[in-house]
Amino acid sequence: MIELLRLLSLYYACDNTAAQRMLTADEIASCTGHYAAIKSHFADTDTPDRMAGYKRFKIWETENAELVVQLRKGRRL
C-alpha cells in the first residue's frame, strides 16, 4: 500500500504541475511511467490489461475520494 500511495502522490503531483504549465519532455516521460505503474498495479496480474487497470483505478478513486483529495493537495498522510 505504501508503494501505491507513493505512486499516486507522484501521479497527482504530475497532474497538478501539468495544470499549471507545460511539462518538460523529461517530466512527461517520468509522469507517464508513474501512470503506467498505477494502471499495472490495478490490472489483473494473471492477464495484465492496462485498460482494465485504468477502470479499476478510476473505481478506486471514486471509492477513496477523500484520500484522493488529500493526495491531490500534496498533503502527507
Protein backbone atom coordinates (compact mmCIF):
# COMPACT_ATOMS: atom_id res chain seq x y z
CA MET A 1 0.00 0.00 0.00
CA ILE A 2 2.88 2.36 0.75
CA GLU A 3 4.24 1.94 -2.79
CA LEU A 4 0.80 2.67 -4.23
CA LEU A 5 0.48 5.85 -2.14
CA ARG A 6 3.93 6.94 -3.33
CA LEU A 7 2.96 6.37 -6.97
CA LEU A 8 -0.35 8.17 -6.51
CA SER A 9 1.38 11.14 -4.88
CA LEU A 10 3.79 11.37 -7.81
CA TYR A 11 0.99 10.99 -10.34
CA TYR A 12 -1.16 13.69 -8.74
CA ALA A 13 1.88 15.98 -8.50
CA CYS A 14 2.35 15.49 -12.24
CA ASP A 15 -1.31 16.22 -12.84
CA ASN A 16 -1.16 19.39 -10.75
CA THR A 17 2.01 20.58 -12.46
CA ALA A 18 0.54 19.93 -15.91
CA ALA A 19 -2.49 22.03 -14.97
CA GLN A 20 -0.15 24.94 -14.17
CA ARG A 21 2.37 24.73 -17.01
CA MET A 22 3.69 22.65 -19.85
CA LEU A 23 5.69 19.66 -18.68
CA THR A 24 9.21 19.17 -19.95
CA ALA A 25 9.99 16.09 -22.02
CA ASP A 26 11.72 14.51 -19.02
CA GLU A 27 8.71 15.25 -16.81
CA ILE A 28 6.35 13.76 -19.38
CA ALA A 29 8.41 10.58 -19.52
CA SER A 30 8.53 10.34 -15.74
CA CYS A 31 4.83 11.07 -15.30
CA THR A 32 3.90 8.58 -17.99
CA GLY A 33 5.90 5.96 -16.11
CA HIS A 34 4.08 6.72 -12.86
CA TYR A 35 0.71 6.45 -14.59
CA ALA A 36 1.65 3.17 -16.28
CA ALA A 37 2.77 1.76 -12.92
CA ILE A 38 -0.57 2.71 -11.34
CA LYS A 39 -2.54 1.07 -14.15
CA SER A 40 -0.36 -2.04 -13.83
CA HIS A 41 -0.95 -2.08 -10.07
CA PHE A 42 -4.70 -2.21 -10.61
CA ALA A 43 -4.53 -4.67 -13.54
CA ASP A 44 -5.12 -8.39 -13.07
CA THR A 45 -1.72 -9.96 -12.52
CA ASP A 46 -2.65 -13.11 -14.47
CA THR A 47 -3.70 -11.22 -17.59
CA PRO A 48 -2.36 -7.68 -17.36
CA ASP A 49 -4.70 -5.38 -19.21
CA ARG A 50 -3.94 -1.70 -18.75
CA MET A 51 -7.44 -0.61 -19.78
CA ALA A 52 -8.90 -2.86 -17.09
CA GLY A 53 -6.28 -1.44 -14.72
CA TYR A 54 -7.35 2.07 -15.66
CA LYS A 55 -11.02 1.24 -14.99
CA ARG A 56 -10.17 -0.32 -11.62
CA PHE A 57 -8.06 2.73 -10.76
CA LYS A 58 -10.97 5.05 -11.53
CA ILE A 59 -13.29 2.92 -9.39
CA TRP A 60 -10.70 3.04 -6.59
CA GLU A 61 -10.54 6.85 -6.89
CA THR A 62 -14.33 7.06 -6.56
CA GLU A 63 -14.36 4.75 -3.54
CA ASN A 64 -11.49 6.67 -1.89
CA ALA A 65 -12.50 10.21 -2.78
CA GLU A 66 -11.34 11.79 0.50
CA LEU A 67 -7.90 10.21 0.24
CA VAL A 68 -7.64 11.33 -3.39
CA VAL A 69 -8.41 14.92 -2.36
CA GLN A 70 -5.63 14.78 0.23
CA LEU A 71 -3.16 13.28 -2.24
CA ARG A 72 -4.07 15.84 -4.91
CA LYS A 73 -3.39 18.62 -2.39
CA GLY A 74 0.02 17.10 -1.75
CA ARG A 75 -0.65 16.53 1.93
CA ARG A 76 1.33 13.98 3.83
CA LEU A 77 -0.76 11.20 5.30
